[in-house]
Structure formats: C-alpha cells, structure tokens
Protein backbone atom coordinates (compact mmCIF):
# COMPACT_ATOMS: atom_id res chain seq x y z
CA MET A 1 -36.82 -2.42 -0.87
CA LYS A 2 -36.19 -1.14 2.66
CA GLY A 3 -33.41 -3.69 3.21
CA PHE A 4 -31.75 -2.73 -0.08
CA LYS A 5 -31.83 0.94 0.89
CA ALA A 6 -30.27 0.15 4.27
CA PHE A 7 -27.58 -1.93 2.55
CA MET A 8 -26.76 0.80 0.03
CA LEU A 9 -26.56 3.52 2.66
CA ARG A 10 -24.23 1.60 4.94
CA GLY A 11 -20.94 3.41 5.37
CA ASN A 12 -18.63 0.72 4.04
CA VAL A 13 -20.57 0.32 0.77
CA LEU A 14 -20.35 4.04 0.06
CA ASP A 15 -16.70 4.11 1.07
CA LEU A 16 -15.95 1.25 -1.30
CA ALA A 17 -17.79 3.00 -4.16
CA VAL A 18 -15.82 6.20 -3.57
CA ALA A 19 -12.58 4.20 -3.39
CA VAL A 20 -13.28 2.48 -6.72
CA VAL A 21 -14.05 5.78 -8.45
CA MET A 22 -10.98 7.47 -6.95
CA GLY A 23 -8.83 4.45 -7.81
CA ALA A 24 -9.93 4.59 -11.45
CA ALA A 25 -9.21 8.31 -11.65
CA PHE A 26 -5.84 7.90 -9.95
CA GLY A 27 -5.01 4.99 -12.29
CA ALA A 28 -5.62 7.25 -15.27
CA VAL A 29 -3.32 9.92 -13.81
CA VAL A 30 -0.52 7.43 -13.12
CA THR A 31 -0.88 5.85 -16.58
CA ALA A 32 -0.68 9.29 -18.20
CA LEU A 33 2.37 10.14 -16.11
CA VAL A 34 4.15 7.00 -17.25
CA LYS A 35 3.02 7.14 -20.88
CA ASP A 36 3.42 10.88 -21.48
CA LEU A 37 6.38 11.80 -19.25
CA LEU A 38 8.47 8.85 -18.10
CA THR A 39 8.44 6.74 -21.28
CA PRO A 40 9.55 9.68 -23.50
CA LEU A 41 12.25 10.44 -20.93
CA ILE A 42 13.56 6.88 -21.23
CA ALA A 43 13.31 7.14 -25.03
CA ALA A 44 15.41 10.31 -24.91
CA ILE A 45 18.06 8.55 -22.83
CA VAL A 46 18.05 5.09 -24.50
CA GLY A 47 16.99 6.16 -27.98
CA LYS A 48 14.12 3.71 -28.51
CA PRO A 49 10.75 4.18 -26.75
CA ASP A 50 9.00 1.10 -28.15
CA PHE A 51 10.24 -2.49 -28.04
CA SER A 52 7.18 -4.07 -29.70
CA GLY A 53 9.14 -4.81 -32.88
CA ILE A 54 11.34 -7.36 -31.07
CA ALA A 55 10.13 -10.88 -31.84
CA PHE A 56 11.38 -14.32 -32.80
CA THR A 57 9.77 -17.30 -34.52
CA ILE A 58 10.02 -21.00 -33.69
CA ASN A 59 8.11 -23.50 -35.88
CA ASN A 60 5.89 -20.77 -37.34
CA SER A 61 4.98 -19.52 -33.85
CA LYS A 62 5.78 -15.87 -33.35
CA PHE A 63 6.96 -14.86 -29.87
CA LEU A 64 6.37 -11.13 -29.29
CA ILE A 65 9.00 -10.62 -26.63
CA GLY A 66 9.00 -6.86 -27.32
CA ASP A 67 5.38 -6.55 -26.15
CA PHE A 68 6.35 -8.31 -22.93
CA ILE A 69 9.30 -5.97 -22.45
CA ASN A 70 6.98 -2.95 -22.99
CA ALA A 71 4.49 -4.30 -20.44
CA LEU A 72 7.26 -5.05 -17.93
CA ILE A 73 8.80 -1.57 -18.27
CA SER A 74 5.34 0.01 -17.97
CA PHE A 75 4.65 -2.05 -14.81
CA LEU A 76 7.96 -1.04 -13.25
CA LEU A 77 7.45 2.62 -14.12
CA ILE A 78 3.92 2.64 -12.71
CA GLY A 79 5.14 0.95 -9.52
CA ALA A 80 7.96 3.48 -9.19
CA ALA A 81 5.62 6.40 -9.84
CA VAL A 82 3.14 5.19 -7.20
CA TYR A 83 5.94 4.57 -4.69
CA PHE A 84 7.81 7.84 -5.16
CA PHE A 85 4.83 10.14 -5.71
CA VAL A 86 2.29 8.60 -3.30
CA VAL A 87 3.64 6.06 -0.81
CA LEU A 88 6.85 7.86 0.16
CA PRO A 89 5.26 11.31 0.67
CA VAL A 90 2.33 9.86 2.63
CA ASN A 91 4.70 7.86 4.88
CA LYS A 92 6.77 11.00 5.52
CA LEU A 93 3.64 13.01 6.27
CA MET A 94 2.33 10.38 8.68
CA ALA A 95 5.73 10.21 10.43
CA ARG A 96 5.73 13.99 10.80
CA ILE A 97 2.22 13.92 12.24
CA LYS A 98 3.07 11.13 14.70
CA ARG A 99 6.31 12.83 15.79
CA GLY A 100 4.42 15.18 18.11
CA GLU A 101 2.34 12.43 19.72
CA HIS A 102 3.35 10.79 22.97
CA PRO A 103 2.96 7.02 23.33
CA PRO A 104 -0.10 6.05 25.36
CA ASP A 105 0.41 5.15 29.01
CA PRO A 106 0.78 1.40 29.53
CA THR A 107 -2.31 -0.43 30.80
CA THR A 108 -0.53 -3.65 31.72
CA LYS A 109 2.70 -4.77 33.32
CA ILE A 110 4.66 -8.02 33.44
CA CYS A 111 4.67 -10.18 36.55
CA PRO A 112 8.30 -10.56 37.67
CA GLU A 113 7.67 -14.13 38.82
CA CYS A 114 5.71 -15.84 36.01
CA LEU A 115 6.14 -13.19 33.28
CA SER A 116 2.42 -13.04 32.54
CA GLU A 117 0.71 -9.81 31.55
CA ILE A 118 -1.43 -8.26 34.28
CA PRO A 119 -3.29 -4.94 34.75
CA ILE A 120 -1.10 -2.02 35.84
CA ALA A 121 -3.10 -1.45 39.04
CA ALA A 122 -2.96 -5.09 40.17
CA ARG A 123 -1.43 -5.78 43.59
CA ARG A 124 -1.29 -9.54 43.13
CA CYS A 125 -0.70 -11.65 40.01
CA ARG A 126 -3.82 -13.57 39.05
CA PHE A 127 -1.78 -16.40 37.57
CA CYS A 128 0.90 -17.15 40.16
CA THR A 129 -0.60 -15.11 43.06
CA VAL A 130 2.69 -13.47 43.92
CA GLU A 131 2.31 -10.12 45.67
CA LEU A 132 3.52 -7.27 43.49
CA ALA A 133 5.41 -4.17 44.60
CA LYS A 134 3.47 -0.93 44.45
C-alpha cells in the first residue's frame, strides 16, 4: 500500500489527472462554442445547418455522406476555434513575455581551425590543440 501511495502522490500522476479533467471541461466548452454559436452562424449564411439528409444508395447499401460532411465541418470548426481562441493568443502572450528577456550568454565557442565546439574559457582546442586567441 505504501508503494501505491507513493505512486499516486508523484507529481506527474497528479498533473496528468488534472490535465485530463481540464481537457474534458475544455472539450465541452469548445463543443458548445461550435454547436451553439458557429454552426448556427454558418446556417444563417448558407441557409442549411444540417447535412445529415444527404445520402445515396448503391445495391441497397445506403451511404450517409451528409453525416460525414457534418462530422468534417464540426472537426474543422473545432480546430479553428482551438487555434484562434487558444493557440494564437497563447503564442502572442508567450512572445510578449519573451520580448523583454535577453538571450543567455554563450557557454561555448567554435574553434577557428577544426570548427569543433569548445568551452568559452578554453585557451586551447581539445580536438586539434590549436592555441586560441583570448
């Protein structure tokens, strides 16, 4: 029982559990956005919100192409909603945060003779043994 408790209280297990719960909640929000806002908007523009009635039959086999079109449109709308309402704003926010940061000082340099990577404070290349300028 002690090992199970240690396993359950490890940080990555708890993080994963929180991520799954948050992902499910976020999925419901995005689905509602697409179903309740974007699909009616498309219906207002195009005139038909549901394509499930489109089908054709070959040798008594019914092909419900309209259901596929509905699923495809829903997939594209969900992808667009996630991109424009989550990915794009987060990328802009991260770029704004990183704008004020300075790049870290280099810790290595390139040997002018053999082009190998060596520590910045090195006075001689460990690969070709050429003496380096200070």
